[in-house]
Amino acid sequence: MANYGLFVRFTLRDGAGEAFDALVEQTAAGIRAHEPGTLIYSCHTVEDAPNERTFYELYADQAAFEEHERQPHTRHFLAERSKYVEKTEVDRLQPYAGKYPTEAEK
């Protein structure tokens, strides 16, 4: 299986949620418009943890992730997020079993 994934947890600074979420919305719009190799870019709030955000990202392969990292909307997000984020935790995932989106399902 060639898919490549990330699980990211952001701990936001107090009061930064609305601005961070707006930045994420802008980034997600760019991803939807310009990144066919990004299969899932799913952002979540965390119940009972108002300063936490989690992202699940699934790419067609490592090359699709690298292309994602080069995109202007991603580079803007990476440059701006430090204004809002206190802590970032990243797990790089290697899928091995499950149900994943494929071109045939679209």
PDB file of N, CA and C in Angstrom:
ATOM      1  N   MET A   1       0.853  -1.174   0.000  1.00  0.00           N
ATOM      2  CA  MET A   1       0.000   0.000   0.000  1.00  0.00           C
ATOM      3  C   MET A   1       0.898   1.237   0.000  1.00  0.00           C
ATOM      4  N   ALA A   2       0.642   2.138  -0.898  1.00  0.00           N
ATOM      5  CA  ALA A   2       1.504   3.301  -1.071  1.00  0.00           C
ATOM      6  C   ALA A   2       1.071   4.513  -0.241  1.00  0.00           C
ATOM      7  N   ASN A   3      -0.101   4.467   0.367  1.00  0.00           N
ATOM      8  CA  ASN A   3      -0.581   5.636   1.111  1.00  0.00           C
ATOM      9  C   ASN A   3       0.395   6.064   2.193  1.00  0.00           C
ATOM     10  N   TYR A   4       0.359   7.364   2.487  1.00  0.00           N
ATOM     11  CA  TYR A   4       1.195   7.961   3.521  1.00  0.00           C
ATOM     12  C   TYR A   4       0.309   8.874   4.345  1.00  0.00           C
ATOM     13  N   GLY A   5       0.393   8.812   5.663  1.00  0.00           N
ATOM     14  CA  GLY A   5      -0.507   9.607   6.493  1.00  0.00           C
ATOM     15  C   GLY A   5       0.178  10.293   7.650  1.00  0.00           C
ATOM     16  N   LEU A   6      -0.541  11.274   8.187  1.00  0.00           N
ATOM     17  CA  LEU A   6      -0.114  12.005   9.377  1.00  0.00           C
ATOM     18  C   LEU A   6      -1.284  12.136  10.336  1.00  0.00           C
ATOM     19  N   PHE A   7      -0.980  12.103  11.616  1.00  0.00           N
ATOM     20  CA  PHE A   7      -1.926  12.508  12.650  1.00  0.00           C
ATOM     21  C   PHE A   7      -1.246  13.641  13.399  1.00  0.00           C
ATOM     22  N   VAL A   8      -1.902  14.795  13.448  1.00  0.00           N
ATOM     23  CA  VAL A   8      -1.302  15.976  14.065  1.00  0.00           C
ATOM     24  C   VAL A   8      -2.231  16.505  15.149  1.00  0.00           C
ATOM     25  N   ARG A   9      -1.663  16.814  16.292  1.00  0.00           N
ATOM     26  CA  ARG A   9      -2.425  17.455  17.378  1.00  0.00           C
ATOM     27  C   ARG A   9      -1.800  18.812  17.640  1.00  0.00           C
ATOM     28  N   PHE A  10      -2.638  19.846  17.542  1.00  0.00           N
ATOM     29  CA  PHE A  10      -2.227  21.206  17.863  1.00  0.00           C
ATOM     30  C   PHE A  10      -2.853  21.610  19.177  1.00  0.00           C
ATOM     31  N   THR A  11      -2.058  22.168  20.069  1.00  0.00           N
ATOM     32  CA  THR A  11      -2.563  22.820  21.267  1.00  0.00           C
ATOM     33  C   THR A  11      -2.456  24.317  21.009  1.00  0.00           C
ATOM     34  N   LEU A  12      -3.601  24.991  21.017  1.00  0.00           N
ATOM     35  CA  LEU A  12      -3.652  26.406  20.668  1.00  0.00           C
ATOM     36  C   LEU A  12      -3.443  27.294  21.884  1.00  0.00           C
ATOM     37  N   ARG A  13      -2.980  28.489  21.622  1.00  0.00           N
ATOM     38  CA  ARG A  13      -2.881  29.511  22.667  1.00  0.00           C
ATOM     39  C   ARG A  13      -4.304  29.913  23.064  1.00  0.00           C
ATOM     40  N   ASP A  14      -4.498  30.307  24.305  1.00  0.00           N
ATOM     41  CA  ASP A  14      -5.812  30.748  24.753  1.00  0.00           C
ATOM     42  C   ASP A  14      -6.330  31.853  23.850  1.00  0.00           C
ATOM     43  N   GLY A  15      -7.568  31.702  23.404  1.00  0.00           N
ATOM     44  CA  GLY A  15      -8.217  32.717  22.588  1.00  0.00           C
ATOM     45  C   GLY A  15      -7.868  32.675  21.107  1.00  0.00           C
ATOM     46  N   ALA A  16      -7.063  31.705  20.678  1.00  0.00           N
ATOM     47  CA  ALA A  16      -6.607  31.665  19.282  1.00  0.00           C
ATOM     48  C   ALA A  16      -7.466  30.780  18.382  1.00  0.00           C
ATOM     49  N   GLY A  17      -8.461  30.114  18.934  1.00  0.00           N
ATOM     50  CA  GLY A  17      -9.227  29.139  18.164  1.00  0.00           C
ATOM     51  C   GLY A  17      -9.867  29.681  16.905  1.00  0.00           C
ATOM     52  N   GLU A  18     -10.544  30.790  17.007  1.00  0.00           N
ATOM     53  CA  GLU A  18     -11.268  31.336  15.850  1.00  0.00           C
ATOM     54  C   GLU A  18     -10.304  31.716  14.718  1.00  0.00           C
ATOM     55  N   ALA A  19      -9.223  32.375  15.049  1.00  0.00           N
ATOM     56  CA  ALA A  19      -8.253  32.785  14.025  1.00  0.00           C
ATOM     57  C   ALA A  19      -7.558  31.567  13.416  1.00  0.00           C
ATOM     58  N   PHE A  20      -7.196  30.590  14.246  1.00  0.00           N
ATOM     59  CA  PHE A  20      -6.568  29.375  13.735  1.00  0.00           C
ATOM     60  C   PHE A  20      -7.524  28.634  12.806  1.00  0.00           C
ATOM     61  N   ASP A  21      -8.780  28.515  13.214  1.00  0.00           N
ATOM     62  CA  ASP A  21      -9.767  27.810  12.396  1.00  0.00           C
ATOM     63  C   ASP A  21      -9.972  28.510  11.056  1.00  0.00           C
ATOM     64  N   ALA A  22      -9.926  29.837  11.031  1.00  0.00           N
ATOM     65  CA  ALA A  22     -10.043  30.572   9.770  1.00  0.00           C
ATOM     66  C   ALA A  22      -8.841  30.283   8.870  1.00  0.00           C
ATOM     67  N   LEU A  23      -7.657  30.217   9.445  1.00  0.00           N
ATOM     68  CA  LEU A  23      -6.453  29.878   8.688  1.00  0.00           C
ATOM     69  C   LEU A  23      -6.573  28.468   8.108  1.00  0.00           C
ATOM     70  N   VAL A  24      -7.089  27.550   8.884  1.00  0.00           N
ATOM     71  CA  VAL A  24      -7.278  26.175   8.416  1.00  0.00           C
ATOM     72  C   VAL A  24      -8.281  26.136   7.271  1.00  0.00           C
ATOM     73  N   GLU A  25      -9.370  26.880   7.377  1.00  0.00           N
ATOM     74  CA  GLU A  25     -10.372  26.916   6.299  1.00  0.00           C
ATOM     75  C   GLU A  25      -9.755  27.406   4.994  1.00  0.00           C
ATOM     76  N   GLN A  26      -8.919  28.437   5.065  1.00  0.00           N
ATOM     77  CA  GLN A  26      -8.243  28.941   3.861  1.00  0.00           C
ATOM     78  C   GLN A  26      -7.327  27.861   3.281  1.00  0.00           C
ATOM     79  N   THR A  27      -6.590  27.195   4.133  1.00  0.00           N
ATOM     80  CA  THR A  27      -5.672  26.153   3.700  1.00  0.00           C
ATOM     81  C   THR A  27      -6.435  24.994   3.068  1.00  0.00           C
ATOM     82  N   ALA A  28      -7.510  24.567   3.697  1.00  0.00           N
ATOM     83  CA  ALA A  28      -8.303  23.449   3.189  1.00  0.00           C
ATOM     84  C   ALA A  28      -8.891  23.768   1.819  1.00  0.00           C
ATOM     85  N   ALA A  29      -9.279  25.014   1.589  1.00  0.00           N
ATOM     86  CA  ALA A  29      -9.801  25.405   0.272  1.00  0.00           C
ATOM     87  C   ALA A  29      -8.728  25.217  -0.797  1.00  0.00           C
ATOM     88  N   GLY A  30      -7.506  25.605  -0.502  1.00  0.00           N
ATOM     89  CA  GLY A  30      -6.401  25.398  -1.443  1.00  0.00           C
ATOM     90  C   GLY A  30      -6.126  23.932  -1.690  1.00  0.00           C
ATOM     91  N   ILE A  31      -6.215  23.140  -0.642  1.00  0.00           N
ATOM     92  CA  ILE A  31      -5.987  21.700  -0.767  1.00  0.00           C
ATOM     93  C   ILE A  31      -7.047  21.074  -1.664  1.00  0.00           C
ATOM     94  N   ARG A  32      -8.318  21.426  -1.427  1.00  0.00           N
ATOM     95  CA  ARG A  32      -9.399  20.872  -2.254  1.00  0.00           C
ATOM     96  C   ARG A  32      -9.227  21.265  -3.723  1.00  0.00           C
ATOM     97  N   ALA A  33      -8.783  22.474  -3.980  1.00  0.00           N
ATOM     98  CA  ALA A  33      -8.681  22.976  -5.347  1.00  0.00           C
ATOM     99  C   ALA A  33      -7.443  22.501  -6.100  1.00  0.00           C
ATOM    100  N   HIS A  34      -6.352  22.222  -5.392  1.00  0.00           N
ATOM    101  CA  HIS A  34      -5.079  22.025  -6.075  1.00  0.00           C
ATOM    102  C   HIS A  34      -4.320  20.742  -5.734  1.00  0.00           C
ATOM    103  N   GLU A  35      -4.885  19.858  -4.913  1.00  0.00           N
ATOM    104  CA  GLU A  35      -4.107  18.704  -4.470  1.00  0.00           C
ATOM    105  C   GLU A  35      -4.854  17.385  -4.670  1.00  0.00           C
ATOM    106  N   PRO A  36      -4.851  16.862  -5.881  1.00  0.00           N
ATOM    107  CA  PRO A  36      -5.534  15.576  -6.096  1.00  0.00           C
ATOM    108  C   PRO A  36      -4.889  14.415  -5.331  1.00  0.00           C
ATOM    109  N   GLY A  37      -3.612  14.527  -4.990  1.00  0.00           N
ATOM    110  CA  GLY A  37      -2.927  13.470  -4.247  1.00  0.00           C
ATOM    111  C   GLY A  37      -3.182  13.492  -2.757  1.00  0.00           C
ATOM    112  N   THR A  38      -3.854  14.553  -2.276  1.00  0.00           N
ATOM    113  CA  THR A  38      -4.264  14.596  -0.870  1.00  0.00           C
ATOM    114  C   THR A  38      -5.647  13.958  -0.810  1.00  0.00           C
ATOM    115  N   LEU A  39      -5.703  12.751  -0.298  1.00  0.00           N
ATOM    116  CA  LEU A  39      -6.945  11.984  -0.291  1.00  0.00           C
ATOM    117  C   LEU A  39      -7.873  12.399   0.837  1.00  0.00           C
ATOM    118  N   ILE A  40      -7.291  12.666   2.009  1.00  0.00           N
ATOM    119  CA  ILE A  40      -8.068  13.106   3.179  1.00  0.00           C
ATOM    120  C   ILE A  40      -7.270  14.181   3.893  1.00  0.00           C
ATOM    121  N   TYR A  41      -7.928  15.281   4.207  1.00  0.00           N
ATOM    122  CA  TYR A  41      -7.342  16.335   5.042  1.00  0.00           C
ATOM    123  C   TYR A  41      -8.469  16.722   5.991  1.00  0.00           C
ATOM    124  N   SER A  42      -8.528  16.068   7.112  1.00  0.00           N
ATOM    125  CA  SER A  42      -9.666  16.135   8.016  1.00  0.00           C
ATOM    126  C   SER A  42      -9.263  16.818   9.327  1.00  0.00           C
ATOM    127  N   CYS A  43      -9.909  17.935   9.631  1.00  0.00           N
ATOM    128  CA  CYS A  43      -9.568  18.747  10.801  1.00  0.00           C
ATOM    129  C   CYS A  43     -10.718  18.674  11.811  1.00  0.00           C
ATOM    130  N   HIS A  44     -10.361  18.528  13.082  1.00  0.00           N
ATOM    131  CA  HIS A  44     -11.386  18.319  14.108  1.00  0.00           C
ATOM    132  C   HIS A  44     -11.117  19.157  15.348  1.00  0.00           C
ATOM    133  N   THR A  45     -12.186  19.605  15.979  1.00  0.00           N
ATOM    134  CA  THR A  45     -12.082  20.102  17.342  1.00  0.00           C
ATOM    135  C   THR A  45     -12.147  18.875  18.248  1.00  0.00           C
ATOM    136  N   VAL A  46     -11.762  19.050  19.497  1.00  0.00           N
ATOM    137  CA  VAL A  46     -11.734  17.931  20.432  1.00  0.00           C
ATOM    138  C   VAL A  46     -12.730  18.217  21.556  1.00  0.00           C
ATOM    139  N   GLU A  47     -13.647  17.290  21.758  1.00  0.00           N
ATOM    140  CA  GLU A  47     -14.669  17.454  22.788  1.00  0.00           C
ATOM    141  C   GLU A  47     -14.024  17.693  24.151  1.00  0.00           C
ATOM    142  N   ASP A  48     -14.509  18.693  24.854  1.00  0.00           N
ATOM    143  CA  ASP A  48     -14.044  19.061  26.195  1.00  0.00           C
ATOM    144  C   ASP A  48     -12.595  19.558  26.228  1.00  0.00           C
ATOM    145  N   ALA A  49     -12.043  19.937  25.073  1.00  0.00           N
ATOM    146  CA  ALA A  49     -10.678  20.484  25.005  1.00  0.00           C
ATOM    147  C   ALA A  49     -10.682  21.618  23.975  1.00  0.00           C
ATOM    148  N   PRO A  50     -11.185  22.793  24.356  1.00  0.00           N
ATOM    149  CA  PRO A  50     -11.389  23.872  23.384  1.00  0.00           C
ATOM    150  C   PRO A  50     -10.119  24.385  22.713  1.00  0.00           C
ATOM    151  N   ASN A  51      -8.958  24.139  23.284  1.00  0.00           N
ATOM    152  CA  ASN A  51      -7.706  24.601  22.676  1.00  0.00           C
ATOM    153  C   ASN A  51      -6.993  23.506  21.887  1.00  0.00           C
ATOM    154  N   GLU A  52      -7.659  22.382  21.672  1.00  0.00           N
ATOM    155  CA  GLU A  52      -7.052  21.274  20.922  1.00  0.00           C
ATOM    156  C   GLU A  52      -7.694  21.168  19.546  1.00  0.00           C
ATOM    157  N   ARG A  53      -6.852  20.862  18.548  1.00  0.00           N
ATOM    158  CA  ARG A  53      -7.305  20.559  17.193  1.00  0.00           C
ATOM    159  C   ARG A  53      -6.521  19.337  16.737  1.00  0.00           C
ATOM    160  N   THR A  54      -7.188  18.413  16.061  1.00  0.00           N
ATOM    161  CA  THR A  54      -6.503  17.259  15.500  1.00  0.00           C
ATOM    162  C   THR A  54      -6.737  17.221  13.996  1.00  0.00           C
ATOM    163  N   PHE A  55      -5.720  16.787  13.288  1.00  0.00           N
ATOM    164  CA  PHE A  55      -5.794  16.643  11.838  1.00  0.00           C
ATOM    165  C   PHE A  55      -5.440  15.205  11.505  1.00  0.00           C
ATOM    166  N   TYR A  56      -6.206  14.625  10.594  1.00  0.00           N
ATOM    167  CA  TYR A  56      -5.843  13.351   9.995  1.00  0.00           C
ATOM    168  C   TYR A  56      -5.624  13.626   8.513  1.00  0.00           C
ATOM    169  N   GLU A  57      -4.448  13.296   8.030  1.00  0.00           N
ATOM    170  CA  GLU A  57      -4.098  13.572   6.646  1.00  0.00           C
ATOM    171  C   GLU A  57      -3.679  12.267   5.981  1.00  0.00           C
ATOM    172  N   LEU A  58      -4.250  11.990   4.816  1.00  0.00           N
ATOM    173  CA  LEU A  58      -3.884  10.799   4.060  1.00  0.00           C
ATOM    174  C   LEU A  58      -3.562  11.220   2.634  1.00  0.00           C
ATOM    175  N   TYR A  59      -2.377  10.839   2.210  1.00  0.00           N
ATOM    176  CA  TYR A  59      -1.870  11.184   0.880  1.00  0.00           C
ATOM    177  C   TYR A  59      -1.739   9.921   0.045  1.00  0.00           C
ATOM    178  N   ALA A  60      -1.828  10.064  -1.269  1.00  0.00           N
ATOM    179  CA  ALA A  60      -1.713   8.913  -2.165  1.00  0.00           C
ATOM    180  C   ALA A  60      -0.379   8.199  -1.958  1.00  0.00           C
ATOM    181  N   ASP A  61       0.658   8.987  -1.672  1.00  0.00           N
ATOM    182  CA  ASP A  61       1.988   8.434  -1.446  1.00  0.00           C
ATOM    183  C   ASP A  61       2.892   9.538  -0.882  1.00  0.00           C
ATOM    184  N   GLN A  62       4.133   9.202  -0.631  1.00  0.00           N
ATOM    185  CA  GLN A  62       5.092  10.168  -0.075  1.00  0.00           C
ATOM    186  C   GLN A  62       5.260  11.371  -1.012  1.00  0.00           C
ATOM    187  N   ALA A  63       5.257  11.136  -2.321  1.00  0.00           N
ATOM    188  CA  ALA A  63       5.410  12.227  -3.289  1.00  0.00           C
ATOM    189  C   ALA A  63       4.239  13.208  -3.207  1.00  0.00           C
ATOM    190  N   ALA A  64       3.036  12.714  -2.983  1.00  0.00           N
ATOM    191  CA  ALA A  64       1.866  13.594  -2.842  1.00  0.00           C
ATOM    192  C   ALA A  64       2.000  14.454  -1.584  1.00  0.00           C
ATOM    193  N   PHE A  65       2.519  13.876  -0.505  1.00  0.00           N
ATOM    194  CA  PHE A  65       2.764  14.660   0.705  1.00  0.00           C
ATOM    195  C   PHE A  65       3.798  15.750   0.435  1.00  0.00           C
ATOM    196  N   GLU A  66       4.872  15.396  -0.247  1.00  0.00           N
ATOM    197  CA  GLU A  66       5.905  16.393  -0.558  1.00  0.00           C
ATOM    198  C   GLU A  66       5.347  17.499  -1.443  1.00  0.00           C
ATOM    199  N   GLU A  67       4.460  17.159  -2.376  1.00  0.00           N
ATOM    200  CA  GLU A  67       3.813  18.171  -3.214  1.00  0.00           C
ATOM    201  C   GLU A  67       2.917  19.076  -2.355  1.00  0.00           C
ATOM    202  N   HIS A  68       2.209  18.492  -1.417  1.00  0.00           N
ATOM    203  CA  HIS A  68       1.388  19.260  -0.468  1.00  0.00           C
ATOM    204  C   HIS A  68       2.251  20.285   0.271  1.00  0.00           C
ATOM    205  N   GLU A  69       3.412  19.863   0.730  1.00  0.00           N
ATOM    206  CA  GLU A  69       4.303  20.744   1.482  1.00  0.00           C
ATOM    207  C   GLU A  69       4.826  21.906   0.630  1.00  0.00           C
ATOM    208  N   ARG A  70       4.890  21.748  -0.683  1.00  0.00           N
ATOM    209  CA  ARG A  70       5.390  22.799  -1.582  1.00  0.00           C
ATOM    210  C   ARG A  70       4.327  23.816  -1.978  1.00  0.00           C
ATOM    211  N   GLN A  71       3.062  23.525  -1.742  1.00  0.00           N
ATOM    212  CA  GLN A  71       1.979  24.387  -2.197  1.00  0.00           C
ATOM    213  C   GLN A  71       1.978  25.731  -1.450  1.00  0.00           C
ATOM    214  N   PRO A  72       1.662  26.824  -2.145  1.00  0.00           N
ATOM    215  CA  PRO A  72       1.632  28.147  -1.493  1.00  0.00           C
ATOM    216  C   PRO A  72       0.684  28.209  -0.293  1.00  0.00           C
ATOM    217  N   HIS A  73      -0.485  27.583  -0.387  1.00  0.00           N
ATOM    218  CA  HIS A  73      -1.435  27.617   0.735  1.00  0.00           C
ATOM    219  C   HIS A  73      -0.886  26.867   1.945  1.00  0.00           C
ATOM    220  N   THR A  74      -0.150  25.780   1.727  1.00  0.00           N
ATOM    221  CA  THR A  74       0.454  25.041   2.836  1.00  0.00           C
ATOM    222  C   THR A  74       1.602  25.835   3.445  1.00  0.00           C
ATOM    223  N   ARG A  75       2.426  26.417   2.605  1.00  0.00           N
ATOM    224  CA  ARG A  75       3.556  27.216   3.094  1.00  0.00           C
ATOM    225  C   ARG A  75       3.048  28.416   3.915  1.00  0.00           C
ATOM    226  N   HIS A  76       1.934  29.009   3.473  1.00  0.00           N
ATOM    227  CA  HIS A  76       1.326  30.115   4.228  1.00  0.00           C
ATOM    228  C   HIS A  76       0.854  29.614   5.596  1.00  0.00           C
ATOM    229  N   PHE A  77       0.171  28.463   5.625  1.00  0.00           N
ATOM    230  CA  PHE A  77      -0.286  27.891   6.889  1.00  0.00           C
ATOM    231  C   PHE A  77       0.894  27.641   7.830  1.00  0.00           C
ATOM    232  N   LEU A  78       1.942  27.027   7.312  1.00  0.00           N
ATOM    233  CA  LEU A  78       3.100  26.709   8.153  1.00  0.00           C
ATOM    234  C   LEU A  78       3.762  27.973   8.697  1.00  0.00           C
ATOM    235  N   ALA A  79       3.784  29.036   7.917  1.00  0.00           N
ATOM    236  CA  ALA A  79       4.391  30.299   8.355  1.00  0.00           C
ATOM    237  C   ALA A  79       3.535  31.015   9.391  1.00  0.00           C
ATOM    238  N   GLU A  80       2.220  30.910   9.270  1.00  0.00           N
ATOM    239  CA  GLU A  80       1.306  31.660  10.130  1.00  0.00           C
ATOM    240  C   GLU A  80       0.891  30.929  11.401  1.00  0.00           C
ATOM    241  N   ARG A  81       0.942  29.630  11.408  1.00  0.00           N
ATOM    242  CA  ARG A  81       0.371  28.877  12.532  1.00  0.00           C
ATOM    243  C   ARG A  81       1.025  29.189  13.871  1.00  0.00           C
ATOM    244  N   SER A  82       2.295  29.574  13.870  1.00  0.00           N
ATOM    245  CA  SER A  82       2.982  29.824  15.141  1.00  0.00           C
ATOM    246  C   SER A  82       2.337  30.956  15.936  1.00  0.00           C
ATOM    247  N   LYS A  83       1.590  31.829  15.273  1.00  0.00           N
ATOM    248  CA  LYS A  83       0.869  32.895  15.981  1.00  0.00           C
ATOM    249  C   LYS A  83      -0.200  32.323  16.911  1.00  0.00           C
ATOM    250  N   TYR A  84      -0.702  31.145  16.572  1.00  0.00           N
ATOM    251  CA  TYR A  84      -1.861  30.576  17.260  1.00  0.00           C
ATOM    252  C   TYR A  84      -1.564  29.305  18.044  1.00  0.00           C
ATOM    253  N   VAL A  85      -0.455  28.644  17.725  1.00  0.00           N
ATOM    254  CA  VAL A  85      -0.180  27.309  18.258  1.00  0.00           C
ATOM    255  C   VAL A  85       0.871  27.369  19.353  1.00  0.00           C
ATOM    256  N   GLU A  86       0.556  26.722  20.470  1.00  0.00           N
ATOM    257  CA  GLU A  86       1.484  26.611  21.594  1.00  0.00           C
ATOM    258  C   GLU A  86       2.336  25.348  21.484  1.00  0.00           C
ATOM    259  N   LYS A  87       1.728  24.259  20.968  1.00  0.00           N
ATOM    260  CA  LYS A  87       2.424  22.974  20.895  1.00  0.00           C
ATOM    261  C   LYS A  87       1.903  22.181  19.695  1.00  0.00           C
ATOM    262  N   THR A  88       2.810  21.488  19.017  1.00  0.00           N
ATOM    263  CA  THR A  88       2.445  20.638  17.884  1.00  0.00           C
ATOM    264  C   THR A  88       3.034  19.251  18.096  1.00  0.00           C
ATOM    265  N   GLU A  89       2.208  18.241  17.917  1.00  0.00           N
ATOM    266  CA  GLU A  89       2.655  16.851  17.978  1.00  0.00           C
ATOM    267  C   GLU A  89       2.294  16.189  16.657  1.00  0.00           C
ATOM    268  N   VAL A  90       3.257  15.526  16.019  1.00  0.00           N
ATOM    269  CA  VAL A  90       3.042  14.903  14.713  1.00  0.00           C
ATOM    270  C   VAL A  90       3.415  13.436  14.780  1.00  0.00           C
ATOM    271  N   ASP A  91       2.494  12.583  14.349  1.00  0.00           N
ATOM    272  CA  ASP A  91       2.769  11.159  14.162  1.00  0.00           C
ATOM    273  C   ASP A  91       2.701  10.877  12.674  1.00  0.00           C
ATOM    274  N   ARG A  92       3.772  10.321  12.126  1.00  0.00           N
ATOM    275  CA  ARG A  92       3.793   9.905  10.718  1.00  0.00           C
ATOM    276  C   ARG A  92       3.276   8.473  10.682  1.00  0.00           C
ATOM    277  N   LEU A  93       2.297   8.236   9.826  1.00  0.00           N
ATOM    278  CA  LEU A  93       1.578   6.969   9.812  1.00  0.00           C
ATOM    279  C   LEU A  93       1.895   6.155   8.565  1.00  0.00           C
ATOM    280  N   GLN A  94       2.029   4.865   8.735  1.00  0.00           N
ATOM    281  CA  GLN A  94       2.202   3.939   7.625  1.00  0.00           C
ATOM    282  C   GLN A  94       1.015   2.979   7.643  1.00  0.00           C
ATOM    283  N   PRO A  95      -0.019   3.267   6.855  1.00  0.00           N
ATOM    284  CA  PRO A  95      -1.204   2.394   6.857  1.00  0.00           C
ATOM    285  C   PRO A  95      -0.849   0.960   6.471  1.00  0.00           C
ATOM    286  N   TYR A  96      -1.504   0.006   7.108  1.00  0.00           N
ATOM    287  CA  TYR A  96      -1.263  -1.397   6.782  1.00  0.00           C
ATOM    288  C   TYR A  96      -2.540  -2.200   6.613  1.00  0.00           C
ATOM    289  N   ALA A  97      -3.673  -1.707   7.106  1.00  0.00           N
ATOM    290  CA  ALA A  97      -4.938  -2.415   6.941  1.00  0.00           C
ATOM    291  C   ALA A  97      -6.071  -1.406   7.071  1.00  0.00           C
ATOM    292  N   GLY A  98      -7.174  -1.687   6.430  1.00  0.00           N
ATOM    293  CA  GLY A  98      -8.336  -0.820   6.570  1.00  0.00           C
ATOM    294  C   GLY A  98      -9.039  -0.600   5.249  1.00  0.00           C
ATOM    295  N   LYS A  99      -9.814   0.458   5.186  1.00  0.00           N
ATOM    296  CA  LYS A  99     -10.535   0.857   3.975  1.00  0.00           C
ATOM    297  C   LYS A  99     -10.090   2.270   3.637  1.00  0.00           C
ATOM    298  N   TYR A 100      -9.581   2.453   2.439  1.00  0.00           N
ATOM    299  CA  TYR A 100      -9.022   3.726   2.032  1.00  0.00           C
ATOM    300  C   TYR A 100      -9.648   4.189   0.728  1.00  0.00           C
ATOM    301  N   PRO A 101      -9.744   5.502   0.530  1.00  0.00           N
ATOM    302  CA  PRO A 101     -10.285   6.005  -0.744  1.00  0.00           C
ATOM    303  C   PRO A 101      -9.332   5.671  -1.890  1.00  0.00           C
ATOM    304  N   THR A 102      -9.927   5.322  -3.001  1.00  0.00           N
ATOM    305  CA  THR A 102      -9.130   5.034  -4.197  1.00  0.00           C
ATOM    306  C   THR A 102      -9.772   5.734  -5.381  1.00  0.00           C
ATOM    307  N   GLU A 103      -9.050   5.833  -6.463  1.00  0.00           N
ATOM    308  CA  GLU A 103      -9.573   6.439  -7.677  1.00  0.00           C
ATOM    309  C   GLU A 103     -10.812   5.694  -8.158  1.00  0.00           C
ATOM    310  N   ALA A 104     -10.856   4.373  -7.998  1.00  0.00           N
ATOM    311  CA  ALA A 104     -11.975   3.572  -8.469  1.00  0.00           C
ATOM    312  C   ALA A 104     -13.269   3.897  -7.746  1.00  0.00           C
ATOM    313  N   GLU A 105     -13.177   4.379  -6.498  1.00  0.00           N
ATOM    314  CA  GLU A 105     -14.373   4.684  -5.717  1.00  0.00           C
ATOM    315  C   GLU A 105     -14.984   6.029  -6.065  1.00  0.00           C
ATOM    316  N   LYS A 106     -14.238   6.888  -6.757  1.00  0.00           N
ATOM    317  CA  LYS A 106     -14.723   8.237  -7.044  1.00  0.00           C
ATOM    318  C   LYS A 106     -15.707   8.256  -8.177  1.00  0.00           C
TER     319      LYS A 106
END
